[in-house]
């Protein structure tokens, strides 16, 4: 009998940049600024920037299956965004991002929570280790720092 499994990991990033520079980088349109290979297809939105609760888009990278995303929450005043990413029959991922101003620095809390939607999805969760998550967050740190320093997107896997 299938019983869903769930794994959650959190990490804090810190950037020497004002929150007004950092927070927008966690939106679908602006992610391309720091990650060259990021591509998405808008499905539903009411603003060109997709900076809105309820925006829906999809991604597909290489030979990977399509993933559907919902910006479940977007709060510009609180500098908080939440995504729900759906990989049909496999995984449901919630991504919570909260930015906090610390003078001329910005601290960013990132929490990924993944739920297996099938036995195969539960099996895929085994790759979502603490070490794998730390590596992903180290890449985010490097890519965003690179963008903030150079104004150019980092080319590489994510």
N, C-alpha and C. Protein backbone atom coordinates (compact mmCIF):
# COMPACT_ATOMS: atom_id res chain seq x y z
N UNK A 1 0.83 -1.18 0.00
CA UNK A 1 0.00 0.00 0.00
C UNK A 1 0.88 1.25 0.00
N UNK A 2 0.56 2.18 -0.90
CA UNK A 2 1.32 3.42 -1.04
C UNK A 2 1.04 4.37 0.12
N UNK A 3 2.09 4.88 0.74
CA UNK A 3 1.98 5.90 1.78
C UNK A 3 2.95 7.02 1.38
N UNK A 4 2.42 8.22 1.20
CA UNK A 4 3.24 9.36 0.78
C UNK A 4 4.34 9.64 1.80
N UNK A 5 5.51 9.96 1.27
CA UNK A 5 6.62 10.38 2.11
C UNK A 5 6.92 11.85 1.83
N UNK A 6 7.47 12.52 2.83
CA UNK A 6 7.77 13.95 2.70
C UNK A 6 9.13 14.23 3.31
N UNK A 7 9.89 15.09 2.62
CA UNK A 7 11.19 15.54 3.12
C UNK A 7 11.23 17.06 2.99
N UNK A 8 11.79 17.71 4.00
CA UNK A 8 11.91 19.17 3.98
C UNK A 8 13.33 19.57 4.37
N UNK A 9 13.87 20.55 3.65
CA UNK A 9 15.19 21.10 3.97
C UNK A 9 15.11 22.62 3.92
N UNK A 10 15.85 23.27 4.82
CA UNK A 10 15.93 24.74 4.84
C UNK A 10 17.38 25.17 4.82
N UNK A 11 17.59 26.35 4.27
CA UNK A 11 18.94 26.91 4.20
C UNK A 11 18.82 28.43 4.18
N UNK A 12 19.84 29.10 4.69
CA UNK A 12 19.86 30.57 4.66
C UNK A 12 21.03 31.04 3.81
N UNK A 13 20.72 31.92 2.87
CA UNK A 13 21.71 32.56 2.01
C UNK A 13 21.88 34.00 2.49
N UNK A 14 23.04 34.60 2.20
CA UNK A 14 23.23 36.00 2.55
C UNK A 14 23.98 36.69 1.42
N UNK A 15 23.48 37.87 1.05
CA UNK A 15 24.06 38.63 -0.05
C UNK A 15 24.37 40.05 0.40
N UNK A 16 25.48 40.58 -0.09
CA UNK A 16 25.81 41.98 0.18
C UNK A 16 25.14 42.81 -0.90
N UNK A 17 23.87 43.03 -0.71
CA UNK A 17 23.04 43.82 -1.63
C UNK A 17 21.74 44.14 -0.90
N UNK A 18 21.14 45.24 -1.30
CA UNK A 18 19.89 45.64 -0.67
C UNK A 18 18.75 44.71 -1.07
N UNK A 19 17.78 44.59 -0.19
CA UNK A 19 16.65 43.69 -0.40
C UNK A 19 15.90 44.00 -1.70
N UNK A 20 15.88 45.28 -2.09
CA UNK A 20 15.19 45.67 -3.32
C UNK A 20 15.88 45.11 -4.56
N UNK A 21 17.17 44.79 -4.45
CA UNK A 21 17.91 44.16 -5.54
C UNK A 21 17.74 42.64 -5.53
N UNK A 22 17.66 42.08 -4.34
CA UNK A 22 17.69 40.62 -4.19
C UNK A 22 16.31 39.99 -4.35
N UNK A 23 15.30 40.50 -3.68
CA UNK A 23 13.99 39.84 -3.69
C UNK A 23 13.43 39.59 -5.09
N UNK A 24 13.49 40.54 -6.03
CA UNK A 24 12.93 40.26 -7.36
C UNK A 24 13.60 39.10 -8.09
N UNK A 25 14.81 38.74 -7.69
CA UNK A 25 15.53 37.65 -8.37
C UNK A 25 14.89 36.29 -8.15
N UNK A 26 13.92 36.21 -7.25
CA UNK A 26 13.24 34.95 -6.96
C UNK A 26 11.87 34.88 -7.63
N UNK A 27 11.71 35.61 -8.73
CA UNK A 27 10.48 35.56 -9.51
C UNK A 27 10.79 34.90 -10.86
N UNK A 28 9.78 34.33 -11.52
CA UNK A 28 10.04 33.58 -12.76
C UNK A 28 10.77 34.38 -13.83
N UNK A 29 10.37 35.64 -14.03
CA UNK A 29 10.98 36.45 -15.07
C UNK A 29 12.42 36.81 -14.72
N UNK A 30 12.67 37.18 -13.48
CA UNK A 30 13.99 37.68 -13.08
C UNK A 30 15.00 36.57 -12.77
N UNK A 31 14.53 35.34 -12.59
CA UNK A 31 15.49 34.25 -12.35
C UNK A 31 16.45 34.12 -13.53
N UNK A 32 15.98 34.42 -14.72
CA UNK A 32 16.81 34.35 -15.92
C UNK A 32 18.02 35.29 -15.81
N UNK A 33 17.92 36.33 -15.00
CA UNK A 33 19.04 37.26 -14.84
C UNK A 33 20.25 36.60 -14.21
N UNK A 34 20.04 35.61 -13.34
CA UNK A 34 21.17 34.97 -12.66
C UNK A 34 21.38 33.52 -13.07
N UNK A 35 20.47 32.96 -13.85
CA UNK A 35 20.61 31.58 -14.29
C UNK A 35 20.29 31.50 -15.78
N UNK A 36 21.33 31.47 -16.60
CA UNK A 36 21.18 31.59 -18.05
C UNK A 36 20.24 30.56 -18.66
N UNK A 37 20.26 29.33 -18.18
CA UNK A 37 19.45 28.28 -18.81
C UNK A 37 18.01 28.22 -18.30
N UNK A 38 17.64 29.09 -17.36
CA UNK A 38 16.27 29.10 -16.84
C UNK A 38 15.31 29.50 -17.95
N UNK A 39 14.32 28.65 -18.19
CA UNK A 39 13.28 28.94 -19.17
C UNK A 39 11.94 28.50 -18.59
N UNK A 40 10.93 29.30 -18.86
CA UNK A 40 9.59 28.93 -18.41
C UNK A 40 8.58 29.38 -19.46
N UNK A 41 7.42 28.77 -19.43
CA UNK A 41 6.33 29.13 -20.33
C UNK A 41 5.16 29.59 -19.47
N UNK A 42 4.78 30.87 -19.58
CA UNK A 42 3.65 31.36 -18.79
C UNK A 42 2.36 30.66 -19.22
N UNK A 43 1.53 30.34 -18.26
CA UNK A 43 0.22 29.74 -18.53
C UNK A 43 -0.89 30.72 -18.13
N UNK A 44 -0.81 31.24 -16.92
CA UNK A 44 -1.81 32.21 -16.46
C UNK A 44 -1.14 33.28 -15.62
N UNK A 45 -1.42 34.54 -15.95
CA UNK A 45 -0.92 35.67 -15.18
C UNK A 45 -1.69 36.91 -15.58
N UNK A 46 -1.68 37.91 -14.73
CA UNK A 46 -2.34 39.18 -15.05
C UNK A 46 -1.34 40.31 -15.18
N UNK A 47 -0.06 40.06 -14.85
CA UNK A 47 0.99 41.06 -15.01
C UNK A 47 2.11 40.46 -15.85
N UNK A 48 2.79 41.30 -16.63
CA UNK A 48 3.88 40.81 -17.48
C UNK A 48 5.03 40.23 -16.67
N UNK A 49 5.22 40.74 -15.46
CA UNK A 49 6.34 40.30 -14.62
C UNK A 49 6.07 38.98 -13.90
N UNK A 50 4.82 38.52 -13.91
CA UNK A 50 4.39 37.33 -13.16
C UNK A 50 4.66 37.46 -11.67
N UNK A 51 4.78 38.69 -11.17
CA UNK A 51 4.99 38.92 -9.74
C UNK A 51 3.63 39.05 -9.08
N UNK A 52 2.95 37.91 -8.93
CA UNK A 52 1.59 37.92 -8.40
C UNK A 52 1.21 36.55 -7.87
N UNK A 53 0.47 36.54 -6.80
CA UNK A 53 -0.08 35.28 -6.30
C UNK A 53 -1.03 34.73 -7.35
N UNK A 54 -0.93 33.43 -7.59
CA UNK A 54 -1.81 32.77 -8.54
C UNK A 54 -1.25 32.63 -9.93
N UNK A 55 -0.09 33.23 -10.22
CA UNK A 55 0.52 33.06 -11.53
C UNK A 55 0.86 31.58 -11.73
N UNK A 56 0.67 31.09 -12.95
CA UNK A 56 0.92 29.69 -13.28
C UNK A 56 1.86 29.64 -14.48
N UNK A 57 2.87 28.78 -14.42
CA UNK A 57 3.78 28.59 -15.55
C UNK A 57 4.29 27.16 -15.52
N UNK A 58 4.99 26.79 -16.60
CA UNK A 58 5.58 25.45 -16.63
C UNK A 58 7.02 25.55 -17.08
N UNK A 59 7.78 24.52 -16.72
CA UNK A 59 9.18 24.41 -17.14
C UNK A 59 9.42 23.02 -17.69
N UNK A 60 10.41 22.93 -18.54
CA UNK A 60 10.88 21.64 -19.02
C UNK A 60 12.33 21.83 -19.44
N UNK A 61 13.21 21.08 -18.82
CA UNK A 61 14.63 21.22 -19.09
C UNK A 61 15.16 19.91 -19.67
N UNK A 62 15.74 20.01 -20.85
CA UNK A 62 16.29 18.82 -21.50
C UNK A 62 15.24 17.76 -21.73
N UNK A 63 15.58 16.54 -21.37
CA UNK A 63 14.64 15.43 -21.56
C UNK A 63 13.79 15.16 -20.31
N UNK A 64 13.81 16.11 -19.37
CA UNK A 64 13.02 15.96 -18.15
C UNK A 64 11.54 16.20 -18.45
N UNK A 65 10.65 15.61 -17.66
CA UNK A 65 9.21 15.86 -17.88
C UNK A 65 8.82 17.29 -17.51
N UNK A 66 7.69 17.73 -18.05
CA UNK A 66 7.17 19.06 -17.72
C UNK A 66 6.84 19.15 -16.24
N UNK A 67 7.13 20.31 -15.68
CA UNK A 67 6.75 20.61 -14.30
C UNK A 67 5.84 21.84 -14.32
N UNK A 68 4.79 21.79 -13.54
CA UNK A 68 3.84 22.90 -13.47
C UNK A 68 4.05 23.63 -12.15
N UNK A 69 4.06 24.96 -12.22
CA UNK A 69 4.34 25.80 -11.08
C UNK A 69 3.18 26.75 -10.83
N UNK A 70 2.90 27.01 -9.56
CA UNK A 70 1.96 28.04 -9.14
C UNK A 70 2.69 28.94 -8.15
N UNK A 71 2.64 30.25 -8.40
CA UNK A 71 3.14 31.18 -7.39
C UNK A 71 2.01 31.30 -6.37
N UNK A 72 2.09 30.47 -5.35
CA UNK A 72 1.00 30.35 -4.37
C UNK A 72 0.88 31.57 -3.48
N UNK A 73 1.98 32.28 -3.30
CA UNK A 73 1.96 33.48 -2.49
C UNK A 73 3.04 34.44 -2.94
N UNK A 74 2.69 35.71 -3.01
CA UNK A 74 3.67 36.74 -3.37
C UNK A 74 3.35 37.97 -2.55
N UNK A 75 4.28 38.40 -1.70
CA UNK A 75 4.06 39.55 -0.84
C UNK A 75 5.27 40.48 -0.94
N UNK A 76 5.13 41.53 -1.73
CA UNK A 76 6.22 42.47 -1.95
C UNK A 76 6.60 43.20 -0.66
N UNK A 77 5.62 43.55 0.17
CA UNK A 77 5.89 44.26 1.42
C UNK A 77 6.69 43.40 2.39
N UNK A 78 6.35 42.12 2.48
CA UNK A 78 7.03 41.20 3.40
C UNK A 78 8.22 40.50 2.76
N UNK A 79 8.42 40.72 1.46
CA UNK A 79 9.52 40.10 0.71
C UNK A 79 9.48 38.57 0.83
N UNK A 80 8.29 38.05 0.56
CA UNK A 80 8.07 36.61 0.69
C UNK A 80 7.40 36.09 -0.59
N UNK A 81 7.85 34.92 -1.02
CA UNK A 81 7.23 34.26 -2.17
C UNK A 81 7.15 32.76 -1.88
N UNK A 82 6.08 32.15 -2.35
CA UNK A 82 5.92 30.71 -2.20
C UNK A 82 5.50 30.13 -3.55
N UNK A 83 6.17 29.05 -3.91
CA UNK A 83 5.83 28.32 -5.13
C UNK A 83 5.37 26.91 -4.77
N UNK A 84 4.47 26.40 -5.57
CA UNK A 84 4.12 24.98 -5.53
C UNK A 84 4.46 24.44 -6.91
N UNK A 85 5.33 23.43 -6.94
CA UNK A 85 5.78 22.82 -8.19
C UNK A 85 5.24 21.39 -8.25
N UNK A 86 4.57 21.08 -9.35
CA UNK A 86 3.89 19.79 -9.50
C UNK A 86 4.51 19.02 -10.65
N UNK A 87 5.02 17.85 -10.34
CA UNK A 87 5.54 16.92 -11.33
C UNK A 87 4.57 15.76 -11.35
N UNK A 88 3.65 15.73 -12.34
CA UNK A 88 2.54 14.77 -12.32
C UNK A 88 2.98 13.34 -12.00
N UNK A 89 2.24 12.73 -11.11
CA UNK A 89 2.42 11.34 -10.68
C UNK A 89 3.73 11.07 -9.94
N UNK A 90 4.52 12.12 -9.68
CA UNK A 90 5.80 11.91 -9.01
C UNK A 90 5.95 12.72 -7.73
N UNK A 91 6.04 14.04 -7.87
CA UNK A 91 6.38 14.88 -6.73
C UNK A 91 5.57 16.17 -6.69
N UNK A 92 5.32 16.63 -5.48
CA UNK A 92 4.78 17.96 -5.25
C UNK A 92 5.79 18.67 -4.35
N UNK A 93 6.28 19.81 -4.79
CA UNK A 93 7.29 20.55 -4.05
C UNK A 93 6.76 21.93 -3.69
N UNK A 94 6.90 22.30 -2.43
CA UNK A 94 6.60 23.65 -1.99
C UNK A 94 7.93 24.34 -1.71
N UNK A 95 8.09 25.54 -2.27
CA UNK A 95 9.31 26.32 -2.08
C UNK A 95 8.92 27.63 -1.41
N UNK A 96 9.42 27.84 -0.21
CA UNK A 96 9.15 29.06 0.55
C UNK A 96 10.42 29.89 0.60
N UNK A 97 10.32 31.13 0.15
CA UNK A 97 11.47 32.04 0.13
C UNK A 97 11.09 33.31 0.89
N UNK A 98 11.91 33.66 1.87
CA UNK A 98 11.67 34.86 2.69
C UNK A 98 12.95 35.68 2.73
N UNK A 99 12.89 36.93 2.29
CA UNK A 99 14.05 37.82 2.33
C UNK A 99 13.92 38.76 3.52
N UNK A 100 15.05 39.04 4.16
CA UNK A 100 15.07 39.92 5.32
C UNK A 100 16.23 40.90 5.17
N UNK A 101 15.94 42.19 5.25
CA UNK A 101 16.98 43.22 5.12
C UNK A 101 17.81 43.27 6.39
N UNK A 102 19.12 43.34 6.21
CA UNK A 102 20.08 43.49 7.32
C UNK A 102 21.05 44.60 6.91
N UNK A 103 20.59 45.85 6.95
CA UNK A 103 21.41 46.97 6.48
C UNK A 103 21.60 46.87 4.98
N UNK A 104 22.88 46.83 4.55
CA UNK A 104 23.16 46.72 3.12
C UNK A 104 23.26 45.26 2.68
N UNK A 105 22.82 44.35 3.53
CA UNK A 105 22.83 42.92 3.22
C UNK A 105 21.40 42.40 3.21
N UNK A 106 21.23 41.26 2.56
CA UNK A 106 19.93 40.60 2.54
C UNK A 106 20.13 39.14 2.91
N UNK A 107 19.38 38.71 3.90
CA UNK A 107 19.37 37.30 4.30
C UNK A 107 18.15 36.65 3.66
N UNK A 108 18.35 35.48 3.06
CA UNK A 108 17.28 34.79 2.34
C UNK A 108 17.12 33.39 2.91
N UNK A 109 15.96 33.11 3.44
CA UNK A 109 15.63 31.77 3.95
C UNK A 109 14.89 31.02 2.84
N UNK A 110 15.39 29.83 2.51
CA UNK A 110 14.80 29.02 1.44
C UNK A 110 14.47 27.64 2.01
N UNK A 111 13.20 27.27 1.94
CA UNK A 111 12.76 25.96 2.41
C UNK A 111 12.07 25.21 1.28
N UNK A 112 12.58 24.01 1.01
CA UNK A 112 11.97 23.10 0.03
C UNK A 112 11.30 21.97 0.81
N UNK A 113 10.05 21.69 0.49
CA UNK A 113 9.34 20.56 1.06
C UNK A 113 8.81 19.73 -0.10
N UNK A 114 9.27 18.49 -0.19
CA UNK A 114 8.86 17.60 -1.29
C UNK A 114 8.04 16.44 -0.75
N UNK A 115 6.97 16.12 -1.49
CA UNK A 115 6.08 15.02 -1.14
C UNK A 115 6.00 14.07 -2.31
N UNK A 116 6.21 12.79 -2.05
CA UNK A 116 6.06 11.77 -3.08
C UNK A 116 4.59 11.53 -3.39
N UNK A 117 4.24 11.53 -4.66
CA UNK A 117 2.85 11.34 -5.08
C UNK A 117 2.57 9.91 -5.53
N UNK A 118 3.59 9.07 -5.47
CA UNK A 118 3.47 7.67 -5.88
C UNK A 118 4.67 6.93 -5.31
N UNK A 119 4.68 5.63 -5.49
CA UNK A 119 5.86 4.85 -5.05
C UNK A 119 7.11 5.34 -5.77
N UNK A 120 6.99 5.61 -7.07
CA UNK A 120 8.13 6.12 -7.84
C UNK A 120 8.56 7.49 -7.30
N UNK A 121 7.58 8.33 -6.98
CA UNK A 121 7.89 9.63 -6.39
C UNK A 121 8.61 9.49 -5.06
N UNK A 122 8.14 8.57 -4.22
CA UNK A 122 8.82 8.32 -2.95
C UNK A 122 10.27 7.90 -3.19
N UNK A 123 10.50 7.08 -4.21
CA UNK A 123 11.85 6.64 -4.54
C UNK A 123 12.72 7.83 -4.95
N UNK A 124 12.15 8.75 -5.72
CA UNK A 124 12.90 9.93 -6.15
C UNK A 124 13.29 10.82 -4.96
N UNK A 125 12.51 10.75 -3.89
CA UNK A 125 12.83 11.54 -2.69
C UNK A 125 14.17 11.14 -2.09
N UNK A 126 14.62 9.92 -2.32
CA UNK A 126 15.88 9.48 -1.72
C UNK A 126 17.07 10.30 -2.23
N UNK A 127 16.93 10.92 -3.41
CA UNK A 127 18.01 11.75 -3.95
C UNK A 127 18.01 13.15 -3.33
N UNK A 128 16.93 13.51 -2.64
CA UNK A 128 16.80 14.84 -2.04
C UNK A 128 17.40 14.82 -0.63
N UNK A 129 18.69 14.61 -0.58
CA UNK A 129 19.42 14.51 0.68
C UNK A 129 19.81 15.90 1.19
N UNK A 130 20.22 15.96 2.43
CA UNK A 130 20.72 17.20 3.00
C UNK A 130 21.90 17.71 2.18
N UNK A 131 22.80 16.80 1.82
CA UNK A 131 23.98 17.19 1.04
C UNK A 131 23.59 17.72 -0.34
N UNK A 132 22.67 17.06 -1.02
CA UNK A 132 22.22 17.53 -2.34
C UNK A 132 21.59 18.91 -2.23
N UNK A 133 20.81 19.13 -1.18
CA UNK A 133 20.18 20.43 -0.98
C UNK A 133 21.23 21.51 -0.71
N UNK A 134 22.21 21.20 0.12
CA UNK A 134 23.29 22.16 0.40
C UNK A 134 24.03 22.53 -0.88
N UNK A 135 24.26 21.54 -1.73
CA UNK A 135 24.93 21.81 -3.01
C UNK A 135 24.08 22.72 -3.89
N UNK A 136 22.78 22.48 -3.93
CA UNK A 136 21.88 23.33 -4.71
C UNK A 136 21.91 24.76 -4.17
N UNK A 137 21.87 24.91 -2.86
CA UNK A 137 21.88 26.25 -2.26
C UNK A 137 23.24 26.93 -2.44
N UNK A 138 24.32 26.17 -2.43
CA UNK A 138 25.65 26.74 -2.70
C UNK A 138 25.70 27.27 -4.13
N UNK A 139 25.07 26.54 -5.05
CA UNK A 139 25.00 27.01 -6.43
C UNK A 139 24.19 28.31 -6.52
N UNK A 140 23.04 28.35 -5.86
CA UNK A 140 22.23 29.58 -5.85
C UNK A 140 23.07 30.74 -5.32
N UNK A 141 23.77 30.52 -4.20
CA UNK A 141 24.60 31.57 -3.60
C UNK A 141 25.60 32.08 -4.62
N UNK A 142 26.31 31.16 -5.26
CA UNK A 142 27.34 31.53 -6.23
C UNK A 142 26.74 32.25 -7.43
N UNK A 143 25.65 31.71 -7.98
CA UNK A 143 25.04 32.29 -9.18
C UNK A 143 24.49 33.69 -8.92
N UNK A 144 23.84 33.87 -7.79
CA UNK A 144 23.27 35.18 -7.47
C UNK A 144 24.37 36.18 -7.15
N UNK A 145 25.39 35.76 -6.41
CA UNK A 145 26.54 36.65 -6.15
C UNK A 145 27.19 37.07 -7.45
N UNK A 146 27.34 36.12 -8.38
CA UNK A 146 27.93 36.41 -9.69
C UNK A 146 27.10 37.48 -10.40
N UNK A 147 25.79 37.31 -10.42
CA UNK A 147 24.92 38.29 -11.07
C UNK A 147 25.03 39.66 -10.39
N UNK A 148 24.98 39.70 -9.07
CA UNK A 148 25.04 40.97 -8.36
C UNK A 148 26.37 41.69 -8.60
N UNK A 149 27.45 40.94 -8.78
CA UNK A 149 28.77 41.53 -9.00
C UNK A 149 29.00 41.94 -10.45
N UNK A 150 28.44 41.16 -11.39
CA UNK A 150 28.77 41.38 -12.81
C UNK A 150 27.60 41.85 -13.66
N UNK A 151 26.38 41.62 -13.20
CA UNK A 151 25.20 41.92 -14.01
C UNK A 151 24.94 40.88 -15.08
N UNK A 152 25.67 39.77 -15.01
CA UNK A 152 25.52 38.71 -16.02
C UNK A 152 25.06 37.42 -15.36
N UNK A 153 24.32 36.64 -16.12
CA UNK A 153 23.85 35.35 -15.64
C UNK A 153 24.98 34.34 -15.66
N UNK A 154 24.94 33.45 -14.70
CA UNK A 154 25.89 32.36 -14.64
C UNK A 154 25.41 31.24 -15.54
N UNK A 155 26.31 30.70 -16.33
CA UNK A 155 25.97 29.58 -17.20
C UNK A 155 26.40 28.31 -16.49
N UNK A 156 25.47 27.38 -16.32
CA UNK A 156 25.79 26.12 -15.65
C UNK A 156 24.54 25.46 -15.14
N UNK A 157 24.67 24.22 -14.74
CA UNK A 157 23.51 23.44 -14.26
C UNK A 157 23.03 23.96 -12.92
N UNK A 158 21.76 23.67 -12.64
CA UNK A 158 21.21 24.05 -11.32
C UNK A 158 20.31 23.00 -10.77
